[in-house]
N, C-alpha and C. Protein backbone atom coordinates (compact mmCIF):
# COMPACT_ATOMS: atom_id res chain seq x y z
N MET A 1 0.86 -1.16 0.06
CA MET A 1 -0.02 0.12 0.03
C MET A 1 0.81 1.45 0.06
N LYS A 2 2.00 1.21 0.85
CA LYS A 2 2.63 2.35 0.91
C LYS A 2 3.43 2.41 -0.42
N MET A 3 3.89 1.40 -1.06
CA MET A 3 4.62 1.84 -2.31
C MET A 3 3.62 2.21 -3.42
N ALA A 4 2.42 1.69 -3.58
CA ALA A 4 1.50 2.38 -4.36
C ALA A 4 1.27 3.91 -4.19
N ILE A 5 1.15 4.31 -2.80
CA ILE A 5 1.05 5.69 -2.59
C ILE A 5 1.92 6.49 -3.05
N ALA A 6 3.37 5.86 -3.01
CA ALA A 6 4.38 6.75 -3.33
C ALA A 6 4.62 6.75 -4.73
N LEU A 7 4.05 5.69 -5.55
CA LEU A 7 4.04 5.77 -7.04
C LEU A 7 3.29 6.78 -7.47
N ILE A 8 1.94 6.72 -6.82
CA ILE A 8 0.98 7.89 -7.21
C ILE A 8 1.66 9.21 -6.84
N VAL A 9 2.41 9.48 -5.94
CA VAL A 9 2.69 10.86 -5.34
C VAL A 9 3.86 11.12 -6.42
N VAL A 10 4.93 10.40 -6.66
CA VAL A 10 5.85 10.53 -7.58
C VAL A 10 5.50 10.89 -9.21
N ALA A 11 4.40 10.01 -9.43
CA ALA A 11 3.95 10.16 -10.70
C ALA A 11 3.00 11.65 -10.90
N PHE A 12 2.31 11.96 -9.86
CA PHE A 12 1.75 13.25 -9.95
C PHE A 12 2.62 14.52 -9.63
N ALA A 13 3.62 14.45 -8.99
CA ALA A 13 4.75 15.12 -9.17
C ALA A 13 5.25 15.49 -10.20
N SER A 14 5.74 14.32 -10.78
CA SER A 14 6.55 14.62 -12.09
C SER A 14 5.74 14.81 -13.04
N ILE A 15 4.61 14.37 -13.36
CA ILE A 15 3.60 14.77 -14.51
C ILE A 15 3.21 16.24 -14.37
N SER A 16 2.80 16.54 -13.08
CA SER A 16 2.25 17.85 -13.29
C SER A 16 2.91 19.05 -12.85
N GLY A 17 4.36 18.66 -12.62
CA GLY A 17 5.30 19.76 -12.46
C GLY A 17 5.01 20.44 -11.24
N ALA A 18 4.16 20.15 -10.16
CA ALA A 18 4.02 20.64 -8.93
C ALA A 18 4.90 21.40 -8.06
N THR A 19 6.34 20.73 -8.21
CA THR A 19 7.33 21.51 -7.22
C THR A 19 7.60 22.89 -7.64
N GLY A 20 7.84 23.55 -6.57
CA GLY A 20 8.18 25.00 -6.73
C GLY A 20 9.63 25.22 -7.24
N ALA A 21 10.47 24.32 -7.10
CA ALA A 21 11.76 24.36 -7.68
C ALA A 21 12.01 24.04 -9.24
N SER A 22 10.86 23.55 -9.66
CA SER A 22 10.86 23.07 -11.09
C SER A 22 11.11 24.39 -11.89
N ALA A 23 12.10 24.54 -12.88
CA ALA A 23 11.84 25.64 -13.69
C ALA A 23 11.18 25.28 -14.93
N GLN A 24 10.79 23.93 -15.25
CA GLN A 24 10.13 23.65 -16.46
C GLN A 24 8.69 23.91 -16.39
N ALA A 25 8.14 24.02 -17.53
CA ALA A 25 6.74 23.95 -17.81
C ALA A 25 6.10 22.58 -17.41
N PRO A 26 4.84 22.41 -16.99
CA PRO A 26 4.15 21.16 -16.38
C PRO A 26 4.10 20.32 -17.94
N ASP A 27 4.49 19.07 -17.84
CA ASP A 27 4.53 18.17 -18.74
C ASP A 27 3.12 17.54 -19.13
N THR A 28 2.53 17.59 -20.25
CA THR A 28 1.23 17.13 -20.40
C THR A 28 1.18 15.91 -21.29
N ASP A 29 2.47 15.55 -21.78
CA ASP A 29 2.54 14.57 -22.65
C ASP A 29 2.31 13.11 -21.55
N LYS A 30 1.43 12.38 -22.25
CA LYS A 30 1.23 11.04 -21.52
C LYS A 30 2.44 10.00 -21.79
N GLY A 31 2.90 9.31 -20.46
CA GLY A 31 4.01 8.37 -20.71
C GLY A 31 5.25 8.99 -20.67
N ARG A 32 5.67 10.20 -20.42
CA ARG A 32 7.01 10.50 -20.61
C ARG A 32 7.85 10.09 -19.57
N TYR A 33 7.38 9.72 -18.27
CA TYR A 33 8.01 8.95 -17.39
C TYR A 33 7.67 7.51 -17.21
N THR A 34 8.71 6.79 -16.75
CA THR A 34 8.40 5.31 -16.49
C THR A 34 8.99 5.25 -15.08
N LEU A 35 8.21 4.68 -14.20
CA LEU A 35 8.45 4.43 -13.04
C LEU A 35 8.63 2.76 -12.68
N SER A 36 9.72 2.59 -11.73
CA SER A 36 9.98 1.12 -11.27
C SER A 36 10.28 1.31 -9.96
N PRO A 37 9.48 0.38 -9.20
CA PRO A 37 9.68 0.45 -7.73
C PRO A 37 10.96 -0.21 -7.28
N ILE A 38 11.63 0.36 -6.24
CA ILE A 38 12.92 -0.37 -5.80
C ILE A 38 12.72 -0.54 -4.28
N ALA A 39 13.81 -1.12 -3.57
CA ALA A 39 13.80 -0.96 -1.96
C ALA A 39 13.33 0.17 -1.27
N ASP A 40 14.21 1.14 -1.89
CA ASP A 40 13.91 2.35 -1.00
C ASP A 40 12.86 3.70 -1.34
N GLY A 41 12.24 3.12 -2.67
CA GLY A 41 11.65 4.16 -3.25
C GLY A 41 11.45 3.70 -4.74
N VAL A 42 11.45 4.63 -5.69
CA VAL A 42 11.19 4.51 -7.03
C VAL A 42 12.38 5.01 -8.00
N ILE A 43 12.48 4.28 -9.02
CA ILE A 43 13.38 4.80 -10.21
C ILE A 43 12.57 5.40 -11.15
N ARG A 44 12.99 6.64 -11.54
CA ARG A 44 11.96 7.30 -12.67
C ARG A 44 13.04 7.38 -13.98
N LEU A 45 12.39 7.01 -15.10
CA LEU A 45 13.05 7.28 -16.22
C LEU A 45 12.48 8.14 -17.10
N ASP A 46 13.17 9.26 -17.49
CA ASP A 46 12.76 10.26 -18.53
C ASP A 46 12.66 9.78 -19.84
N THR A 47 11.53 9.35 -20.34
CA THR A 47 11.68 8.43 -21.75
C THR A 47 12.24 9.54 -22.88
N ARG A 48 11.80 10.99 -22.41
CA ARG A 48 12.29 11.95 -23.62
C ARG A 48 13.79 12.15 -23.39
N SER A 49 14.16 12.42 -22.20
CA SER A 49 15.94 12.85 -22.35
C SER A 49 16.71 11.81 -22.01
N GLY A 50 16.05 10.42 -21.30
CA GLY A 50 16.85 9.63 -20.90
C GLY A 50 17.37 9.75 -19.68
N ALA A 51 17.32 10.72 -18.94
CA ALA A 51 17.66 10.97 -17.61
C ALA A 51 16.96 9.91 -16.55
N VAL A 52 17.78 9.37 -15.75
CA VAL A 52 17.29 8.44 -14.73
C VAL A 52 17.24 9.03 -13.28
N SER A 53 16.32 8.96 -12.54
CA SER A 53 16.47 9.68 -11.07
C SER A 53 15.96 8.66 -10.28
N ILE A 54 16.31 8.72 -8.97
CA ILE A 54 15.97 7.81 -7.72
C ILE A 54 14.96 8.93 -6.82
N CYS A 55 13.72 8.38 -6.76
CA CYS A 55 12.81 9.16 -6.08
C CYS A 55 12.75 8.53 -4.55
N THR A 56 12.74 8.96 -3.50
CA THR A 56 12.89 8.64 -2.21
C THR A 56 12.00 9.61 -1.36
N ASP A 57 11.39 8.84 -0.33
CA ASP A 57 10.72 9.75 0.83
C ASP A 57 11.77 9.77 2.07
N ARG A 58 12.18 10.99 2.16
CA ARG A 58 13.12 11.20 3.31
C ARG A 58 12.77 11.63 4.50
N GLY A 59 11.20 11.63 4.54
CA GLY A 59 10.66 11.98 5.95
C GLY A 59 9.72 13.25 5.70
N SER A 60 10.45 14.08 4.96
CA SER A 60 10.03 15.46 4.79
C SER A 60 9.27 15.39 3.58
N GLY A 61 9.14 14.61 2.96
CA GLY A 61 8.41 14.63 1.65
C GLY A 61 9.18 13.59 0.47
N TRP A 62 8.54 13.57 -0.47
CA TRP A 62 9.47 12.64 -1.54
C TRP A 62 10.46 13.73 -2.30
N ALA A 63 11.41 13.30 -2.81
CA ALA A 63 12.62 13.97 -3.66
C ALA A 63 13.27 12.86 -4.63
N CYS A 64 13.43 13.70 -5.76
CA CYS A 64 14.05 12.86 -6.83
C CYS A 64 15.50 13.39 -7.17
N TYR A 65 16.38 12.49 -7.30
CA TYR A 65 17.77 12.87 -7.45
C TYR A 65 18.24 12.40 -8.69
N VAL A 66 18.87 13.14 -9.64
CA VAL A 66 19.18 12.55 -10.80
C VAL A 66 20.44 11.70 -10.68
N ILE A 67 20.54 10.55 -11.22
CA ILE A 67 21.54 9.45 -11.18
C ILE A 67 22.65 10.13 -12.29
N PRO A 68 23.80 10.28 -12.09
CA PRO A 68 24.64 10.81 -13.12
C PRO A 68 24.94 9.90 -14.37
N ASP A 69 24.91 10.34 -15.40
CA ASP A 69 25.16 9.64 -16.75
C ASP A 69 26.53 9.07 -16.70
N GLU A 70 27.41 8.07 -16.52
CA GLU A 70 28.68 7.78 -16.35
C GLU A 70 29.07 7.60 -17.80
N ARG A 71 28.26 6.92 -18.50
CA ARG A 71 28.60 6.95 -20.22
C ARG A 71 28.85 8.15 -20.61
N ALA A 72 28.08 9.16 -20.78
CA ALA A 72 28.24 10.40 -21.13
C ALA A 72 29.29 11.19 -20.55
N ALA A 73 29.57 10.97 -19.30
CA ALA A 73 31.03 11.62 -18.68
C ALA A 73 32.28 10.84 -19.46
N LEU A 74 32.09 9.51 -19.56
CA LEU A 74 33.22 8.69 -20.08
C LEU A 74 33.34 9.37 -21.72
N ASP A 75 32.42 9.33 -22.39
CA ASP A 75 32.36 9.73 -23.86
C ASP A 75 33.00 11.20 -23.95
N SER A 76 32.66 12.04 -23.01
CA SER A 76 33.09 13.31 -23.40
C SER A 76 34.68 13.48 -23.01
N GLU A 77 34.86 12.59 -21.88
CA GLU A 77 36.45 12.43 -21.56
C GLU A 77 37.12 12.07 -22.69
N ILE A 78 36.95 10.94 -23.31
CA ILE A 78 37.37 10.33 -24.54
C ILE A 78 37.62 11.24 -25.62
N GLY A 79 36.52 11.96 -25.93
CA GLY A 79 36.70 12.94 -26.95
C GLY A 79 37.55 13.82 -26.65
N ARG A 80 37.66 14.59 -25.30
CA ARG A 80 38.55 15.68 -24.99
C ARG A 80 40.29 14.98 -24.96
N LEU A 81 40.45 13.76 -24.66
CA LEU A 81 41.55 13.11 -24.80
C LEU A 81 42.05 13.09 -26.45
N GLN A 82 40.99 12.61 -27.13
CA GLN A 82 41.47 12.44 -28.41
C GLN A 82 41.87 13.74 -29.18
N ALA A 83 41.22 14.77 -28.73
CA ALA A 83 41.43 15.92 -29.29
C ALA A 83 42.92 16.59 -28.99
N ASP A 84 43.21 16.23 -27.40
CA ASP A 84 44.51 16.58 -27.02
C ASP A 84 45.45 15.85 -27.76
N ASN A 85 45.21 14.65 -28.09
CA ASN A 85 46.42 13.66 -28.51
C ASN A 85 46.37 14.19 -30.12
N GLU A 86 45.53 14.51 -30.77
CA GLU A 86 45.79 15.07 -32.22
C GLU A 86 46.45 16.27 -32.07
N SER A 87 46.14 17.38 -31.05
CA SER A 87 46.91 18.60 -31.03
C SER A 87 48.40 18.33 -30.87
N LEU A 88 48.55 17.38 -29.82
CA LEU A 88 50.09 17.13 -29.32
C LEU A 88 50.72 16.34 -30.66
N LYS A 89 50.07 15.78 -31.50
CA LYS A 89 50.69 14.90 -32.72
C LYS A 89 51.05 16.08 -33.90
N ALA A 90 50.05 17.13 -33.92
CA ALA A 90 50.56 18.20 -34.86
C ALA A 90 51.62 19.07 -34.29
N GLN A 91 51.77 19.27 -32.84
CA GLN A 91 52.88 20.20 -32.45
C GLN A 91 53.95 19.34 -32.62
N LEU A 92 54.26 18.10 -32.28
CA LEU A 92 55.08 17.10 -32.70
C LEU A 92 55.75 17.18 -34.07
N ALA A 93 54.69 17.18 -35.12
CA ALA A 93 55.00 17.23 -36.22
C ALA A 93 55.68 18.37 -37.02
N GLN A 94 55.35 19.34 -36.27
CA GLN A 94 55.87 20.79 -36.69
C GLN A 94 57.16 21.08 -36.25
N ARG A 95 57.67 20.39 -35.06
CA ARG A 95 59.12 20.35 -34.53
C ARG A 95 60.10 19.89 -35.47
N GLU A 96 61.25 20.51 -35.40
CA GLU A 96 62.26 19.92 -36.51
C GLU A 96 63.03 18.95 -35.55
N PRO A 97 63.66 17.78 -36.22
CA PRO A 97 64.30 16.69 -35.55
C PRO A 97 65.54 17.49 -34.77
N THR A 98 65.68 16.89 -33.53
CA THR A 98 66.89 17.56 -32.66
C THR A 98 68.16 16.73 -33.00
N VAL A 99 68.04 15.43 -33.49
CA VAL A 99 69.05 14.39 -33.48
C VAL A 99 69.27 14.23 -35.24
N ALA A 100 70.37 14.49 -35.45
CA ALA A 100 70.80 14.39 -36.89
C ALA A 100 71.78 12.97 -37.01
N GLY A 101 71.41 12.30 -38.01
CA GLY A 101 72.40 11.05 -38.26
C GLY A 101 71.70 9.79 -37.69
N LYS A 102 72.51 9.04 -37.59
CA LYS A 102 72.08 7.57 -37.13
C LYS A 102 72.04 7.75 -35.62
N THR A 103 70.78 7.28 -35.06
CA THR A 103 70.53 7.15 -33.72
C THR A 103 71.03 5.98 -33.19
N GLY A 104 71.26 5.09 -33.80
CA GLY A 104 71.80 3.65 -33.25
C GLY A 104 73.16 3.51 -32.91
N ASP A 105 73.98 4.68 -33.15
CA ASP A 105 75.43 4.62 -32.74
C ASP A 105 75.57 4.57 -31.19
N ALA A 106 76.66 3.91 -30.82
CA ALA A 106 77.02 3.89 -29.28
C ALA A 106 77.42 5.27 -28.82
N LEU A 107 77.02 5.50 -27.56
CA LEU A 107 77.47 6.80 -27.01
C LEU A 107 78.96 6.82 -26.62
N PRO A 108 79.42 7.94 -26.73
CA PRO A 108 81.07 8.00 -26.37
C PRO A 108 81.35 7.81 -24.76
N LYS A 109 82.32 6.99 -24.59
CA LYS A 109 82.43 6.54 -23.23
C LYS A 109 83.09 7.96 -22.41
N GLN A 110 82.74 7.86 -21.27
CA GLN A 110 83.30 9.31 -20.38
C GLN A 110 83.95 8.57 -19.31
N ASP A 111 84.69 9.33 -18.67
CA ASP A 111 85.49 9.06 -17.61
C ASP A 111 84.76 9.32 -16.39
N SER A 112 84.45 8.33 -15.58
CA SER A 112 83.46 8.31 -14.55
C SER A 112 84.18 9.10 -13.17
N LEU A 113 85.68 9.29 -13.18
CA LEU A 113 86.46 9.90 -12.36
C LEU A 113 86.45 11.34 -12.55
N LYS A 114 86.26 11.84 -13.63
CA LYS A 114 86.46 13.33 -13.86
C LYS A 114 85.21 13.98 -13.21
N PRO A 115 85.41 15.11 -12.77
CA PRO A 115 84.31 15.94 -12.07
C PRO A 115 83.08 16.39 -13.17
N LYS A 116 81.91 16.06 -12.58
CA LYS A 116 81.02 16.58 -13.60
C LYS A 116 80.71 18.00 -13.69
N VAL A 117 80.57 18.44 -15.03
CA VAL A 117 80.29 19.90 -15.00
C VAL A 117 78.81 20.21 -15.12
N GLU A 118 78.22 21.19 -14.10
CA GLU A 118 77.00 21.71 -14.34
C GLU A 118 76.88 22.98 -14.44
N GLY A 119 76.44 23.49 -15.88
CA GLY A 119 76.57 24.77 -16.17
C GLY A 119 78.02 25.46 -16.23
N GLU A 120 78.20 26.19 -15.60
CA GLU A 120 79.46 26.93 -15.58
C GLU A 120 80.39 26.17 -14.33
N ARG A 121 79.67 25.63 -13.36
CA ARG A 121 80.22 25.24 -12.19
C ARG A 121 80.70 23.78 -12.20
N LYS A 122 81.92 23.49 -11.42
CA LYS A 122 82.23 22.14 -11.52
C LYS A 122 81.72 21.54 -10.13
N ILE A 123 81.24 20.39 -10.30
CA ILE A 123 80.79 19.68 -9.06
C ILE A 123 82.08 18.84 -8.67
N GLU A 124 82.69 19.19 -7.35
CA GLU A 124 83.85 18.13 -7.00
C GLU A 124 83.62 17.55 -5.71
N ILE A 125 83.88 16.39 -5.38
CA ILE A 125 83.74 15.59 -4.10
C ILE A 125 85.16 15.90 -3.28
N PRO A 126 84.91 16.59 -2.17
CA PRO A 126 86.32 16.52 -1.51
C PRO A 126 86.72 15.34 -0.83
N LEU A 127 88.09 15.05 -0.75
CA LEU A 127 88.83 13.80 -0.03
C LEU A 127 88.70 14.09 1.29
N PRO A 128 88.34 13.11 2.24
CA PRO A 128 88.52 13.48 3.58
C PRO A 128 89.95 13.83 3.97
N SER A 129 89.99 14.67 5.02
CA SER A 129 91.34 15.10 5.53
C SER A 129 92.01 14.18 6.37
N ASP A 130 93.45 14.19 6.71
CA ASP A 130 94.03 13.30 7.55
C ASP A 130 93.51 13.24 8.94
N ARG A 131 92.92 14.39 9.33
CA ARG A 131 92.16 14.25 10.74
C ARG A 131 91.19 13.27 10.70
N ASP A 132 90.37 13.43 9.58
CA ASP A 132 88.85 12.56 9.39
C ASP A 132 89.42 11.14 9.19
N VAL A 133 90.31 10.73 8.56
CA VAL A 133 90.91 9.27 8.48
C VAL A 133 91.18 9.02 9.91
N ASP A 134 92.10 9.89 10.66
CA ASP A 134 92.52 9.24 11.75
C ASP A 134 91.41 9.08 12.73
N ARG A 135 90.45 9.91 12.75
CA ARG A 135 89.33 9.67 13.71
C ARG A 135 88.48 8.32 13.21
N MET A 136 88.46 8.19 11.91
CA MET A 136 87.60 6.84 11.47
C MET A 136 88.34 5.74 11.92
N MET A 137 90.05 5.63 11.86
CA MET A 137 90.54 4.70 12.33
C MET A 137 90.65 4.48 13.71
N ALA A 138 90.41 5.59 14.53
CA ALA A 138 90.45 5.42 16.11
C ALA A 138 89.23 4.68 16.43
N PHE A 139 87.95 5.01 15.69
CA PHE A 139 86.68 4.70 15.92
C PHE A 139 86.71 3.13 15.61
N VAL A 140 87.26 2.42 14.36
CA VAL A 140 87.34 1.13 14.14
C VAL A 140 87.92 0.43 15.05
N GLU A 141 89.43 0.98 15.42
CA GLU A 141 90.29 -0.01 16.37
C GLU A 141 89.41 -0.03 17.71
N ASN A 142 88.66 0.90 18.17
CA ASN A 142 87.90 1.08 19.34
C ASN A 142 86.93 -0.12 19.47
N ALA A 143 86.02 -0.10 18.40
CA ALA A 143 85.08 -1.01 18.02
C ALA A 143 85.62 -2.46 18.10
N TRP A 144 86.91 -2.78 17.31
CA TRP A 144 87.32 -3.95 17.09
C TRP A 144 87.85 -4.54 18.37
N ARG A 145 88.58 -3.60 19.42
CA ARG A 145 88.88 -4.00 20.88
C ARG A 145 87.68 -4.44 21.64
N LYS A 146 86.48 -3.76 21.49
CA LYS A 146 85.43 -4.15 22.26
C LYS A 146 84.85 -5.39 21.67
N LEU A 147 84.87 -5.92 20.61
CA LEU A 147 84.38 -6.75 20.07
C LEU A 147 85.18 -8.12 20.53
N ILE A 148 86.37 -7.75 20.68
CA ILE A 148 87.33 -9.01 21.09
C ILE A 148 87.31 -9.16 22.36
N ASP A 149 87.07 -8.18 23.09
CA ASP A 149 86.76 -8.13 24.80
C ASP A 149 85.70 -8.86 25.08
N LEU A 150 84.55 -8.70 24.41
CA LEU A 150 83.41 -9.36 24.50
C LEU A 150 83.52 -10.80 24.12
N ALA A 151 84.07 -11.21 23.09
CA ALA A 151 84.34 -12.51 22.80
C ALA A 151 85.03 -13.17 23.79
N ASN A 152 86.05 -12.59 24.45
CA ASN A 152 86.85 -13.18 25.47
C ASN A 152 85.86 -13.46 26.73
N ARG A 153 85.19 -12.58 27.06
CA ARG A 153 84.36 -12.63 28.15
C ARG A 153 83.50 -13.76 28.01
N LEU A 154 82.76 -14.11 26.81
CA LEU A 154 81.70 -15.00 26.55
C LEU A 154 82.44 -16.40 26.69
N GLN A 155 83.80 -16.48 26.04
CA GLN A 155 84.26 -17.69 26.14
C GLN A 155 84.67 -18.07 27.54
N ARG A 156 85.06 -17.46 28.62
CA ARG A 156 85.29 -17.50 29.95
C ARG A 156 83.93 -18.05 30.71
N ASP A 157 82.93 -17.35 30.18
CA ASP A 157 81.67 -17.59 30.94
C ASP A 157 81.33 -18.86 30.66
N VAL A 158 81.49 -19.41 29.43
CA VAL A 158 80.98 -20.69 28.93
C VAL A 158 82.01 -21.72 29.41
N SER A 159 83.18 -21.56 29.64
CA SER A 159 84.27 -22.45 30.10
C SER A 159 84.13 -22.62 31.57
N GLY A 160 83.47 -21.53 32.26
CA GLY A 160 83.30 -21.77 33.74
C GLY A 160 84.44 -20.98 34.43
N LYS A 161 85.39 -20.39 33.97
CA LYS A 161 86.31 -19.68 34.59
C LYS A 161 85.93 -18.26 34.78
N ILE A 162 85.02 -18.10 35.74
CA ILE A 162 84.39 -16.68 35.80
C ILE A 162 85.29 -15.99 36.70
C-alpha cells in the first residue's frame, strides 16, 4: 500500500510539475516518465531525455535525484583526450628533428672519475682530511677491541672460569 501511494505521489509530482523548484513547464505528454519500484523508493526514467532519477521519501516528503550518466561523462572525456592527442601530434610534427644522423650509434665513453660539469660550475667531491681518516681509524680500532673483549668474556663464561 505504501509503495502504491509513493508511485502515485511521484507520478503526480513529475507529470504535473507541482514542485516549486522546477523551472520547467508542466509536462502534459502522457507516458513521459516510466516508474519502477525499488527497495527504498522508485526509479524514474525520463523517456524523452533518457535521464534516470531515484525518488525516495526522506521523511519530509518525496525528492527525486538525478543519477549521473557515467557513459556520457566517459564519452566526453574520451573526446577531450582524442582532441588533445591530435593537437600534440600536430605540435610534434611541426618540430624539427633534434638529432641528426644515425641514432643507433654507441654513446662515447666518459671518464667516471672526472668531475661533472653543471653549467659553468664544477661539482667536486672533496676527499677526507688526514684528521678525518685518523678519527675513522680510531673508531674502527675501538670497536674491534670491544668486540674482542666481548668474545673473550663470553668464552670465559662458557668455560666456567668466571
